[in-house]
Amino acid sequence: MTATAQQPEICQEDELRAQMYDFLGLLLSRPPTAEILQQTRALSGDDSDLGEAINAMARVAKVTKPAAVESEFTALFIGLGRGELLPYTSFYLTGFLNEKPLAALRKDMEGLRISRAPNVFEPEDNIASLMEMMAGMIRGRFGEAVPLDKQTAFFNKHIGSWAPHFFDDLAAAKNSVFYASVGIAGKAFIEIEREAFRMNAG
């Protein structure tokens, strides 16, 4: 997604949310480099479900080599013809790619002044792109920081309805080793976000 040059300051809680969205987006968009794996090994969490999931991800990263995780990523998301998983809103909600959920997302992206980067050819309803969009909305990467009510509407419409199922599938996929831990952490984080949005809406 394309971004503006200057981003506004945000509170610490929102910065942590944005960091997690960005981190998930990074891991789900391409195989982690040796540097990213090293950063993952250094992560530490508290005794919450998300904290424990982050600790588990760090433990798996410590015994994972870049070549192995690249093969894992390829098997999960690329494969011969297609990967084990299809991480798209349209597929999870309709069973097909490039359906109405993608058209609805593109319309909402236009309203939020979010545009696809010219070097990105994946449909915009890819889970990695959606994680990046949420981080960008929180940080004001596409202009001003997006108010919480608009974040809530976007999350509920384009992420909350299917991302937990995707992360469950990622955790259980036969080719998942490192990415099983990513799936567990992603599910825990999305559930926290969903509950927080629900409480704020109430």
N, C-alpha and C. Protein backbone atom coordinates (compact mmCIF):
# COMPACT_ATOMS: atom_id res chain seq x y z
N MET A 1 0.84 -1.18 0.00
CA MET A 1 0.00 0.00 0.00
C MET A 1 0.88 1.24 0.00
N THR A 2 0.48 2.24 -0.73
CA THR A 2 1.27 3.46 -0.76
C THR A 2 0.99 4.30 0.47
N ALA A 3 1.98 5.07 0.92
CA ALA A 3 1.87 5.82 2.17
C ALA A 3 2.30 7.26 1.97
N THR A 4 1.85 8.12 2.88
CA THR A 4 2.30 9.50 2.88
C THR A 4 3.62 9.59 3.61
N ALA A 5 4.33 10.70 3.43
CA ALA A 5 5.69 10.81 3.94
C ALA A 5 5.72 11.01 5.45
N GLN A 6 4.81 11.80 6.01
CA GLN A 6 4.85 12.14 7.43
C GLN A 6 3.68 11.52 8.16
N GLN A 7 3.95 10.95 9.32
CA GLN A 7 2.89 10.30 10.09
C GLN A 7 2.74 10.99 11.44
N PRO A 8 1.51 11.15 11.92
CA PRO A 8 1.29 11.83 13.20
C PRO A 8 1.71 10.96 14.38
N GLU A 9 1.95 11.63 15.52
CA GLU A 9 2.26 10.88 16.73
C GLU A 9 0.99 10.21 17.25
N ILE A 10 1.15 8.99 17.78
CA ILE A 10 0.01 8.26 18.33
C ILE A 10 0.38 7.77 19.72
N CYS A 11 -0.64 7.37 20.49
CA CYS A 11 -0.39 6.92 21.85
C CYS A 11 0.33 5.57 21.84
N GLN A 12 0.91 5.21 22.98
CA GLN A 12 1.71 3.99 23.06
C GLN A 12 0.89 2.74 22.74
N GLU A 13 -0.35 2.71 23.24
CA GLU A 13 -1.20 1.54 22.98
C GLU A 13 -1.44 1.35 21.49
N ASP A 14 -1.73 2.46 20.80
CA ASP A 14 -1.96 2.37 19.36
C ASP A 14 -0.67 2.01 18.62
N GLU A 15 0.46 2.51 19.11
CA GLU A 15 1.73 2.16 18.48
C GLU A 15 2.00 0.66 18.60
N LEU A 16 1.70 0.08 19.75
CA LEU A 16 1.88 -1.37 19.93
C LEU A 16 0.94 -2.16 19.02
N ARG A 17 -0.31 -1.68 18.88
CA ARG A 17 -1.25 -2.33 17.96
C ARG A 17 -0.72 -2.28 16.54
N ALA A 18 -0.25 -1.10 16.14
CA ALA A 18 0.26 -0.94 14.78
C ALA A 18 1.48 -1.82 14.55
N GLN A 19 2.34 -1.92 15.54
CA GLN A 19 3.53 -2.78 15.41
C GLN A 19 3.13 -4.23 15.18
N MET A 20 2.11 -4.70 15.90
CA MET A 20 1.69 -6.09 15.75
C MET A 20 1.06 -6.32 14.38
N TYR A 21 0.23 -5.39 13.94
CA TYR A 21 -0.35 -5.52 12.60
C TYR A 21 0.76 -5.54 11.55
N ASP A 22 1.71 -4.62 11.68
CA ASP A 22 2.81 -4.56 10.71
C ASP A 22 3.64 -5.84 10.73
N PHE A 23 3.88 -6.36 11.91
CA PHE A 23 4.70 -7.58 12.05
C PHE A 23 4.00 -8.77 11.40
N LEU A 24 2.72 -8.92 11.67
CA LEU A 24 1.96 -10.00 11.04
C LEU A 24 1.93 -9.82 9.52
N GLY A 25 1.73 -8.58 9.08
CA GLY A 25 1.72 -8.32 7.65
C GLY A 25 3.04 -8.68 7.00
N LEU A 26 4.13 -8.37 7.68
CA LEU A 26 5.46 -8.69 7.16
C LEU A 26 5.66 -10.19 7.04
N LEU A 27 5.30 -10.94 8.07
CA LEU A 27 5.49 -12.39 8.06
C LEU A 27 4.59 -13.09 7.05
N LEU A 28 3.43 -12.49 6.76
CA LEU A 28 2.47 -13.12 5.86
C LEU A 28 2.62 -12.68 4.41
N SER A 29 3.46 -11.68 4.17
CA SER A 29 3.64 -11.19 2.80
C SER A 29 4.79 -11.86 2.08
N ARG A 30 5.78 -12.32 2.84
CA ARG A 30 6.97 -12.95 2.23
C ARG A 30 7.69 -13.74 3.31
N PRO A 31 8.55 -14.67 2.93
CA PRO A 31 9.30 -15.41 3.94
C PRO A 31 10.19 -14.47 4.75
N PRO A 32 10.28 -14.66 6.05
CA PRO A 32 11.14 -13.77 6.85
C PRO A 32 12.61 -13.95 6.50
N THR A 33 13.31 -12.84 6.42
CA THR A 33 14.75 -12.87 6.20
C THR A 33 15.45 -13.33 7.48
N ALA A 34 16.75 -13.56 7.38
CA ALA A 34 17.53 -13.94 8.57
C ALA A 34 17.43 -12.85 9.64
N GLU A 35 17.39 -11.59 9.20
CA GLU A 35 17.28 -10.47 10.15
C GLU A 35 15.93 -10.50 10.87
N ILE A 36 14.86 -10.73 10.12
CA ILE A 36 13.53 -10.78 10.74
C ILE A 36 13.42 -11.97 11.68
N LEU A 37 13.98 -13.11 11.28
CA LEU A 37 13.98 -14.27 12.18
C LEU A 37 14.74 -13.95 13.46
N GLN A 38 15.87 -13.23 13.34
CA GLN A 38 16.65 -12.87 14.52
C GLN A 38 15.83 -11.96 15.43
N GLN A 39 15.09 -11.02 14.85
CA GLN A 39 14.24 -10.14 15.65
C GLN A 39 13.13 -10.94 16.33
N THR A 40 12.59 -11.94 15.62
CA THR A 40 11.54 -12.78 16.20
C THR A 40 12.07 -13.59 17.37
N ARG A 41 13.29 -14.06 17.27
CA ARG A 41 13.90 -14.84 18.36
C ARG A 41 14.03 -14.01 19.63
N ALA A 42 14.14 -12.70 19.47
CA ALA A 42 14.35 -11.81 20.63
C ALA A 42 13.04 -11.36 21.27
N LEU A 43 11.90 -11.72 20.68
CA LEU A 43 10.62 -11.28 21.24
C LEU A 43 10.36 -11.94 22.59
N SER A 44 9.64 -11.23 23.44
CA SER A 44 9.19 -11.82 24.71
C SER A 44 7.84 -11.24 25.06
N GLY A 45 6.97 -12.09 25.59
CA GLY A 45 5.62 -11.66 25.94
C GLY A 45 5.32 -11.92 27.40
N ASP A 46 4.15 -11.46 27.84
CA ASP A 46 3.72 -11.68 29.22
C ASP A 46 2.97 -13.01 29.31
N ASP A 47 2.17 -13.19 30.40
CA ASP A 47 1.49 -14.47 30.60
C ASP A 47 0.06 -14.47 30.03
N SER A 48 -0.27 -13.47 29.20
CA SER A 48 -1.57 -13.48 28.51
C SER A 48 -1.51 -14.48 27.36
N ASP A 49 -2.66 -14.75 26.76
CA ASP A 49 -2.68 -15.68 25.62
C ASP A 49 -1.79 -15.16 24.49
N LEU A 50 -1.88 -13.86 24.21
CA LEU A 50 -1.04 -13.30 23.16
C LEU A 50 0.43 -13.34 23.56
N GLY A 51 0.73 -13.00 24.81
CA GLY A 51 2.11 -13.05 25.27
C GLY A 51 2.70 -14.44 25.18
N GLU A 52 1.93 -15.45 25.58
CA GLU A 52 2.41 -16.83 25.48
C GLU A 52 2.62 -17.24 24.03
N ALA A 53 1.73 -16.77 23.15
CA ALA A 53 1.87 -17.09 21.73
C ALA A 53 3.13 -16.44 21.16
N ILE A 54 3.42 -15.21 21.59
CA ILE A 54 4.64 -14.54 21.13
C ILE A 54 5.87 -15.26 21.65
N ASN A 55 5.83 -15.72 22.90
CA ASN A 55 6.95 -16.50 23.45
C ASN A 55 7.17 -17.77 22.64
N ALA A 56 6.07 -18.43 22.28
CA ALA A 56 6.18 -19.67 21.49
C ALA A 56 6.77 -19.38 20.11
N MET A 57 6.35 -18.26 19.51
CA MET A 57 6.88 -17.88 18.20
C MET A 57 8.39 -17.64 18.30
N ALA A 58 8.83 -17.01 19.37
CA ALA A 58 10.26 -16.76 19.57
C ALA A 58 11.02 -18.08 19.72
N ARG A 59 10.43 -19.02 20.45
CA ARG A 59 11.10 -20.32 20.65
C ARG A 59 11.25 -21.07 19.33
N VAL A 60 10.20 -21.07 18.52
CA VAL A 60 10.27 -21.76 17.23
C VAL A 60 11.27 -21.07 16.31
N ALA A 61 11.29 -19.73 16.33
CA ALA A 61 12.22 -18.98 15.49
C ALA A 61 13.67 -19.33 15.82
N LYS A 62 13.95 -19.63 17.09
CA LYS A 62 15.32 -19.95 17.50
C LYS A 62 15.85 -21.22 16.86
N VAL A 63 14.95 -22.12 16.46
CA VAL A 63 15.40 -23.39 15.85
C VAL A 63 15.01 -23.45 14.37
N THR A 64 14.66 -22.31 13.79
CA THR A 64 14.25 -22.26 12.39
C THR A 64 15.29 -21.54 11.56
N LYS A 65 15.69 -22.15 10.44
CA LYS A 65 16.65 -21.52 9.54
C LYS A 65 15.90 -20.83 8.40
N PRO A 66 16.47 -19.75 7.84
CA PRO A 66 15.80 -19.02 6.77
C PRO A 66 15.38 -19.91 5.59
N ALA A 67 16.21 -20.84 5.20
CA ALA A 67 15.87 -21.71 4.06
C ALA A 67 14.66 -22.57 4.38
N ALA A 68 14.57 -23.05 5.61
CA ALA A 68 13.44 -23.90 6.00
C ALA A 68 12.14 -23.11 6.02
N VAL A 69 12.18 -21.89 6.54
CA VAL A 69 10.95 -21.11 6.62
C VAL A 69 10.54 -20.61 5.23
N GLU A 70 11.51 -20.43 4.34
CA GLU A 70 11.17 -20.05 2.97
C GLU A 70 10.43 -21.19 2.28
N SER A 71 10.90 -22.42 2.47
CA SER A 71 10.21 -23.59 1.91
C SER A 71 8.81 -23.73 2.50
N GLU A 72 8.70 -23.46 3.79
CA GLU A 72 7.40 -23.52 4.47
C GLU A 72 6.43 -22.49 3.90
N PHE A 73 6.91 -21.27 3.72
CA PHE A 73 6.08 -20.20 3.16
C PHE A 73 5.61 -20.58 1.76
N THR A 74 6.52 -21.11 0.95
CA THR A 74 6.17 -21.50 -0.42
C THR A 74 5.09 -22.57 -0.42
N ALA A 75 5.25 -23.58 0.42
CA ALA A 75 4.25 -24.66 0.48
C ALA A 75 2.90 -24.14 0.94
N LEU A 76 2.91 -23.21 1.88
CA LEU A 76 1.65 -22.71 2.43
C LEU A 76 0.92 -21.77 1.48
N PHE A 77 1.66 -20.87 0.83
CA PHE A 77 1.01 -19.77 0.13
C PHE A 77 1.25 -19.71 -1.38
N ILE A 78 2.19 -20.50 -1.90
CA ILE A 78 2.50 -20.43 -3.32
C ILE A 78 2.28 -21.79 -3.98
N GLY A 79 3.07 -22.79 -3.58
CA GLY A 79 2.87 -24.15 -4.06
C GLY A 79 3.05 -24.30 -5.56
N LEU A 80 2.69 -25.46 -6.07
CA LEU A 80 2.67 -25.71 -7.51
C LEU A 80 1.25 -25.45 -7.99
N GLY A 81 1.04 -24.27 -8.52
CA GLY A 81 -0.31 -23.89 -8.92
C GLY A 81 -1.00 -23.08 -7.83
N ARG A 82 -1.01 -23.58 -6.60
CA ARG A 82 -1.54 -22.84 -5.46
C ARG A 82 -0.98 -23.44 -4.18
N GLY A 83 -0.95 -22.65 -3.15
CA GLY A 83 -0.46 -23.14 -1.87
C GLY A 83 -1.53 -23.89 -1.10
N GLU A 84 -1.14 -24.36 0.08
CA GLU A 84 -2.09 -25.07 0.92
C GLU A 84 -3.24 -24.16 1.37
N LEU A 85 -2.94 -22.87 1.56
CA LEU A 85 -3.95 -21.92 2.03
C LEU A 85 -4.14 -20.80 1.01
N LEU A 86 -5.36 -20.29 0.95
CA LEU A 86 -5.68 -19.12 0.12
C LEU A 86 -6.12 -18.00 1.06
N PRO A 87 -5.19 -17.10 1.41
CA PRO A 87 -5.45 -16.13 2.48
C PRO A 87 -6.17 -14.87 2.01
N TYR A 88 -7.35 -15.03 1.45
CA TYR A 88 -8.10 -13.92 0.87
C TYR A 88 -9.50 -13.85 1.46
N THR A 89 -9.96 -12.62 1.71
CA THR A 89 -11.31 -12.43 2.22
C THR A 89 -12.35 -13.10 1.33
N SER A 90 -12.25 -12.86 0.02
CA SER A 90 -13.23 -13.41 -0.93
C SER A 90 -13.32 -14.93 -0.81
N PHE A 91 -12.17 -15.58 -0.73
CA PHE A 91 -12.17 -17.04 -0.67
C PHE A 91 -12.82 -17.53 0.62
N TYR A 92 -12.48 -16.92 1.74
CA TYR A 92 -13.03 -17.38 3.02
C TYR A 92 -14.52 -17.09 3.16
N LEU A 93 -14.99 -16.00 2.55
CA LEU A 93 -16.40 -15.64 2.70
C LEU A 93 -17.29 -16.21 1.61
N THR A 94 -16.72 -16.49 0.42
CA THR A 94 -17.56 -16.97 -0.69
C THR A 94 -17.10 -18.30 -1.28
N GLY A 95 -15.86 -18.71 -0.99
CA GLY A 95 -15.32 -19.92 -1.60
C GLY A 95 -14.65 -19.66 -2.94
N PHE A 96 -14.64 -18.42 -3.37
CA PHE A 96 -14.03 -18.07 -4.66
C PHE A 96 -13.18 -16.82 -4.50
N LEU A 97 -12.21 -16.65 -5.41
CA LEU A 97 -11.36 -15.46 -5.42
C LEU A 97 -12.03 -14.34 -6.20
N ASN A 98 -11.63 -13.10 -5.88
CA ASN A 98 -12.05 -11.92 -6.66
C ASN A 98 -13.56 -11.74 -6.72
N GLU A 99 -14.21 -11.96 -5.59
CA GLU A 99 -15.67 -11.83 -5.53
C GLU A 99 -16.07 -10.51 -4.85
N LYS A 100 -17.34 -10.41 -4.48
CA LYS A 100 -17.88 -9.15 -3.95
C LYS A 100 -17.10 -8.59 -2.75
N PRO A 101 -16.59 -9.43 -1.84
CA PRO A 101 -15.82 -8.85 -0.73
C PRO A 101 -14.62 -8.03 -1.20
N LEU A 102 -13.97 -8.43 -2.30
CA LEU A 102 -12.85 -7.66 -2.83
C LEU A 102 -13.33 -6.33 -3.39
N ALA A 103 -14.45 -6.34 -4.10
CA ALA A 103 -15.01 -5.09 -4.63
C ALA A 103 -15.39 -4.13 -3.50
N ALA A 104 -15.97 -4.68 -2.43
CA ALA A 104 -16.34 -3.85 -1.28
C ALA A 104 -15.10 -3.26 -0.61
N LEU A 105 -14.03 -4.06 -0.52
CA LEU A 105 -12.79 -3.58 0.07
C LEU A 105 -12.21 -2.44 -0.76
N ARG A 106 -12.19 -2.62 -2.06
CA ARG A 106 -11.63 -1.58 -2.94
C ARG A 106 -12.39 -0.27 -2.80
N LYS A 107 -13.69 -0.36 -2.64
CA LYS A 107 -14.50 0.84 -2.45
C LYS A 107 -14.15 1.53 -1.14
N ASP A 108 -14.00 0.75 -0.08
CA ASP A 108 -13.64 1.33 1.22
C ASP A 108 -12.22 1.87 1.21
N MET A 109 -11.31 1.19 0.51
CA MET A 109 -9.94 1.70 0.38
C MET A 109 -9.93 3.07 -0.29
N GLU A 110 -10.74 3.22 -1.32
CA GLU A 110 -10.82 4.50 -2.01
C GLU A 110 -11.29 5.60 -1.07
N GLY A 111 -12.28 5.28 -0.24
CA GLY A 111 -12.78 6.26 0.72
C GLY A 111 -11.76 6.65 1.77
N LEU A 112 -10.83 5.73 2.06
CA LEU A 112 -9.79 5.98 3.06
C LEU A 112 -8.48 6.45 2.42
N ARG A 113 -8.50 6.66 1.12
CA ARG A 113 -7.33 7.10 0.35
C ARG A 113 -6.18 6.10 0.44
N ILE A 114 -6.53 4.83 0.42
CA ILE A 114 -5.53 3.75 0.40
C ILE A 114 -5.47 3.21 -1.02
N SER A 115 -4.28 3.14 -1.57
CA SER A 115 -4.13 2.60 -2.92
C SER A 115 -3.06 1.50 -2.91
N ARG A 116 -3.23 0.55 -3.81
CA ARG A 116 -2.28 -0.54 -3.92
C ARG A 116 -0.97 -0.04 -4.52
N ALA A 117 0.15 -0.45 -3.95
CA ALA A 117 1.45 -0.06 -4.48
C ALA A 117 1.62 -0.65 -5.89
N PRO A 118 2.29 0.07 -6.79
CA PRO A 118 2.39 -0.39 -8.17
C PRO A 118 3.13 -1.71 -8.35
N ASN A 119 3.99 -2.07 -7.38
CA ASN A 119 4.75 -3.32 -7.51
C ASN A 119 4.06 -4.50 -6.83
N VAL A 120 2.82 -4.32 -6.38
CA VAL A 120 2.07 -5.39 -5.71
C VAL A 120 1.00 -5.90 -6.67
N PHE A 121 0.99 -7.20 -6.89
CA PHE A 121 0.06 -7.79 -7.85
C PHE A 121 -0.98 -8.71 -7.20
N GLU A 122 -0.84 -8.94 -5.90
CA GLU A 122 -1.82 -9.74 -5.17
C GLU A 122 -3.13 -8.97 -5.05
N PRO A 123 -4.28 -9.65 -5.07
CA PRO A 123 -5.53 -8.95 -4.75
C PRO A 123 -5.45 -8.30 -3.38
N GLU A 124 -6.10 -7.16 -3.24
CA GLU A 124 -5.98 -6.37 -2.02
C GLU A 124 -6.56 -7.06 -0.79
N ASP A 125 -7.43 -8.06 -0.97
CA ASP A 125 -8.02 -8.73 0.19
C ASP A 125 -7.15 -9.85 0.74
N ASN A 126 -5.87 -9.84 0.39
CA ASN A 126 -4.88 -10.74 1.00
C ASN A 126 -4.70 -10.37 2.47
N ILE A 127 -4.57 -11.36 3.34
CA ILE A 127 -4.46 -11.10 4.78
C ILE A 127 -3.28 -10.19 5.11
N ALA A 128 -2.16 -10.36 4.40
CA ALA A 128 -0.98 -9.53 4.67
C ALA A 128 -1.28 -8.06 4.37
N SER A 129 -1.95 -7.80 3.25
CA SER A 129 -2.29 -6.42 2.89
C SER A 129 -3.25 -5.81 3.90
N LEU A 130 -4.20 -6.60 4.38
CA LEU A 130 -5.17 -6.10 5.36
C LEU A 130 -4.49 -5.75 6.68
N MET A 131 -3.51 -6.56 7.09
CA MET A 131 -2.76 -6.24 8.31
C MET A 131 -2.01 -4.93 8.12
N GLU A 132 -1.42 -4.75 6.94
CA GLU A 132 -0.69 -3.52 6.65
C GLU A 132 -1.63 -2.32 6.62
N MET A 133 -2.82 -2.51 6.06
CA MET A 133 -3.80 -1.41 6.03
C MET A 133 -4.20 -0.98 7.43
N MET A 134 -4.45 -1.95 8.32
CA MET A 134 -4.83 -1.60 9.69
C MET A 134 -3.71 -0.81 10.38
N ALA A 135 -2.47 -1.26 10.22
CA ALA A 135 -1.35 -0.52 10.80
C ALA A 135 -1.28 0.88 10.23
N GLY A 136 -1.49 1.00 8.92
CA GLY A 136 -1.44 2.31 8.29
C GLY A 136 -2.53 3.24 8.76
N MET A 137 -3.73 2.69 8.99
CA MET A 137 -4.83 3.52 9.48
C MET A 137 -4.54 4.02 10.90
N ILE A 138 -3.98 3.13 11.73
CA ILE A 138 -3.66 3.52 13.10
C ILE A 138 -2.59 4.61 13.11
N ARG A 139 -1.58 4.45 12.28
CA ARG A 139 -0.44 5.37 12.28
C ARG A 139 -0.67 6.63 11.45
N GLY A 140 -1.74 6.65 10.65
CA GLY A 140 -1.94 7.79 9.77
C GLY A 140 -1.06 7.73 8.55
N ARG A 141 -0.73 6.54 8.11
CA ARG A 141 0.19 6.35 6.99
C ARG A 141 -0.44 6.81 5.66
N PHE A 142 -1.77 6.85 5.61
CA PHE A 142 -2.46 7.23 4.38
C PHE A 142 -3.06 8.63 4.47
N GLY A 143 -2.54 9.43 5.39
CA GLY A 143 -3.06 10.77 5.65
C GLY A 143 -3.15 10.95 7.15
N GLU A 144 -4.28 11.39 7.65
CA GLU A 144 -4.47 11.49 9.10
C GLU A 144 -4.78 10.12 9.68
N ALA A 145 -4.47 9.93 10.97
CA ALA A 145 -4.85 8.68 11.65
C ALA A 145 -6.35 8.51 11.56
N VAL A 146 -6.79 7.30 11.27
CA VAL A 146 -8.22 7.03 11.07
C VAL A 146 -8.88 6.89 12.44
N PRO A 147 -10.01 7.58 12.68
CA PRO A 147 -10.70 7.49 13.97
C PRO A 147 -11.10 6.05 14.30
N LEU A 148 -11.25 5.79 15.59
CA LEU A 148 -11.51 4.44 16.06
C LEU A 148 -12.80 3.86 15.47
N ASP A 149 -13.82 4.69 15.31
CA ASP A 149 -15.07 4.14 14.78
C ASP A 149 -14.90 3.64 13.34
N LYS A 150 -14.08 4.34 12.56
CA LYS A 150 -13.82 3.89 11.19
C LYS A 150 -12.90 2.67 11.17
N GLN A 151 -11.94 2.62 12.10
CA GLN A 151 -11.13 1.41 12.24
C GLN A 151 -12.03 0.21 12.55
N THR A 152 -12.97 0.43 13.46
CA THR A 152 -13.89 -0.64 13.87
C THR A 152 -14.69 -1.15 12.68
N ALA A 153 -15.26 -0.21 11.91
CA ALA A 153 -16.07 -0.60 10.76
C ALA A 153 -15.25 -1.38 9.74
N PHE A 154 -14.04 -0.92 9.48
CA PHE A 154 -13.17 -1.60 8.51
C PHE A 154 -12.80 -2.99 9.01
N PHE A 155 -12.40 -3.07 10.27
CA PHE A 155 -12.01 -4.36 10.86
C PHE A 155 -13.17 -5.35 10.81
N ASN A 156 -14.34 -4.92 11.26
CA ASN A 156 -15.48 -5.83 11.30
C ASN A 156 -15.90 -6.31 9.91
N LYS A 157 -15.80 -5.44 8.95
CA LYS A 157 -16.26 -5.77 7.60
C LYS A 157 -15.25 -6.63 6.84
N HIS A 158 -13.96 -6.33 7.01
CA HIS A 158 -12.96 -6.94 6.13
C HIS A 158 -12.01 -7.91 6.82
N ILE A 159 -11.99 -7.93 8.15
CA ILE A 159 -11.02 -8.77 8.85
C ILE A 159 -11.67 -9.68 9.89
N GLY A 160 -12.44 -9.10 10.79
CA GLY A 160 -13.00 -9.87 11.90
C GLY A 160 -13.88 -11.01 11.48
N SER A 161 -14.50 -10.88 10.30
CA SER A 161 -15.43 -11.91 9.83
C SER A 161 -14.76 -13.20 9.38
N TRP A 162 -13.45 -13.17 9.12
CA TRP A 162 -12.80 -14.37 8.58
C TRP A 162 -11.38 -14.61 9.07
N ALA A 163 -10.67 -13.57 9.50
CA ALA A 163 -9.26 -13.74 9.88
C ALA A 163 -9.05 -14.77 10.99
N PRO A 164 -9.93 -14.85 12.01
CA PRO A 164 -9.73 -15.90 13.02
C PRO A 164 -9.73 -17.30 12.42
N HIS A 165 -10.61 -17.54 11.44
CA HIS A 165 -10.65 -18.85 10.78
C HIS A 165 -9.36 -19.10 9.99
N PHE A 166 -8.88 -18.05 9.31
CA PHE A 166 -7.62 -18.19 8.57
C PHE A 166 -6.48 -18.53 9.52
N PHE A 167 -6.36 -17.81 10.63
CA PHE A 167 -5.26 -18.06 11.55
C PHE A 167 -5.37 -19.46 12.18
N ASP A 168 -6.59 -19.93 12.43
CA ASP A 168 -6.77 -21.31 12.87
C ASP A 168 -6.26 -22.29 11.81
N ASP A 169 -6.60 -22.03 10.55
CA ASP A 169 -6.14 -22.89 9.46
C ASP A 169 -4.63 -22.85 9.33
N LEU A 170 -4.05 -21.68 9.51
CA LEU A 170 -2.60 -21.54 9.43
C LEU A 170 -1.92 -22.34 10.54
N ALA A 171 -2.48 -22.26 11.75
CA ALA A 171 -1.90 -23.00 12.87
C ALA A 171 -1.98 -24.50 12.66
N ALA A 172 -3.02 -24.97 11.96
CA ALA A 172 -3.25 -26.41 11.80
C ALA A 172 -2.74 -26.97 10.48
N ALA A 173 -2.25 -26.12 9.58
CA ALA A 173 -1.85 -26.57 8.24
C ALA A 173 -0.72 -27.59 8.34
N LYS A 174 -0.76 -28.57 7.44
CA LYS A 174 0.23 -29.66 7.50
C LYS A 174 1.65 -29.16 7.25
N ASN A 175 1.79 -28.07 6.49
CA ASN A 175 3.11 -27.52 6.20
C ASN A 175 3.56 -26.48 7.21
N SER A 176 2.75 -26.20 8.22
CA SER A 176 3.09 -25.17 9.20
C SER A 176 3.99 -25.70 10.30
N VAL A 177 5.10 -25.05 10.51
CA VAL A 177 5.96 -25.29 11.66
C VAL A 177 6.15 -23.93 12.34
N PHE A 178 7.02 -23.10 11.77
CA PHE A 178 7.13 -21.73 12.26
C PHE A 178 5.79 -21.01 12.12
N TYR A 179 5.12 -21.22 10.98
CA TYR A 179 3.87 -20.49 10.74
C TYR A 179 2.71 -20.97 11.60
N ALA A 180 2.84 -22.15 12.21
CA ALA A 180 1.83 -22.56 13.18
C ALA A 180 1.83 -21.60 14.37
N SER A 181 3.03 -21.19 14.79
CA SER A 181 3.11 -20.24 15.90
C SER A 181 2.62 -18.86 15.48
N VAL A 182 2.84 -18.50 14.22
CA VAL A 182 2.32 -17.23 13.71
C VAL A 182 0.79 -17.27 13.72
N GLY A 183 0.21 -18.41 13.34
CA GLY A 183 -1.23 -18.55 13.34
C GLY A 183 -1.83 -18.39 14.73
N ILE A 184 -1.20 -18.98 15.72
CA ILE A 184 -1.70 -18.89 17.09
C ILE A 184 -1.61 -17.44 17.60
N ALA A 185 -0.48 -16.79 17.32
CA ALA A 185 -0.32 -15.39 17.75
C ALA A 185 -1.29 -14.49 17.02
N GLY A 186 -1.46 -14.73 15.71
CA GLY A 186 -2.39 -13.91 14.94
C GLY A 186 -3.81 -14.05 15.44
N LYS A 187 -4.24 -15.27 15.74
CA LYS A 187 -5.59 -15.50 16.26
C LYS A 187 -5.78 -14.78 17.59
N ALA A 188 -4.80 -14.89 18.48
CA ALA A 188 -4.91 -14.24 19.79
C ALA A 188 -5.01 -12.73 19.64
N PHE A 189 -4.21 -12.17 18.75
CA PHE A 189 -4.23 -10.72 18.56
C PHE A 189 -5.56 -10.25 17.95
N ILE A 190 -6.04 -10.96 16.95
CA ILE A 190 -7.31 -10.58 16.31
C ILE A 190 -8.47 -10.66 17.29
N GLU A 191 -8.44 -11.66 18.17
CA GLU A 191 -9.50 -11.77 19.18
C GLU A 191 -9.45 -10.60 20.16
N ILE A 192 -8.26 -10.16 20.52
CA ILE A 192 -8.13 -8.99 21.40
C ILE A 192 -8.68 -7.75 20.71
N GLU A 193 -8.32 -7.58 19.46
CA GLU A 193 -8.81 -6.43 18.69
C GLU A 193 -10.33 -6.46 18.55
N ARG A 194 -10.86 -7.63 18.25
CA ARG A 194 -12.30 -7.75 18.06
C ARG A 194 -13.06 -7.39 19.34
N GLU A 195 -12.56 -7.86 20.47
CA GLU A 195 -13.21 -7.56 21.74
C GLU A 195 -13.07 -6.07 22.10
N ALA A 196 -11.90 -5.49 21.83
CA ALA A 196 -11.70 -4.08 22.12
C ALA A 196 -12.62 -3.21 21.26
N PHE A 197 -12.74 -3.55 19.99
CA PHE A 197 -13.65 -2.80 19.11
C PHE A 197 -15.09 -2.95 19.59
N ARG A 198 -15.46 -4.16 20.03
CA ARG A 198 -16.82 -4.39 20.50
C ARG A 198 -17.13 -3.53 21.73
N MET A 199 -16.18 -3.47 22.65
CA MET A 199 -16.38 -2.68 23.87
C MET A 199 -16.46 -1.20 23.56
N ASN A 200 -15.62 -0.73 22.64
CA ASN A 200 -15.63 0.70 22.29
C ASN A 200 -16.91 1.07 21.56
N ALA A 201 -17.42 0.14 20.75
CA ALA A 201 -18.66 0.40 20.03
C ALA A 201 -19.85 0.44 20.99
N GLY A 202 -19.72 -0.36 22.08
CA GLY A 202 -20.82 -0.40 23.03
C GLY A 202 -20.86 0.82 23.92
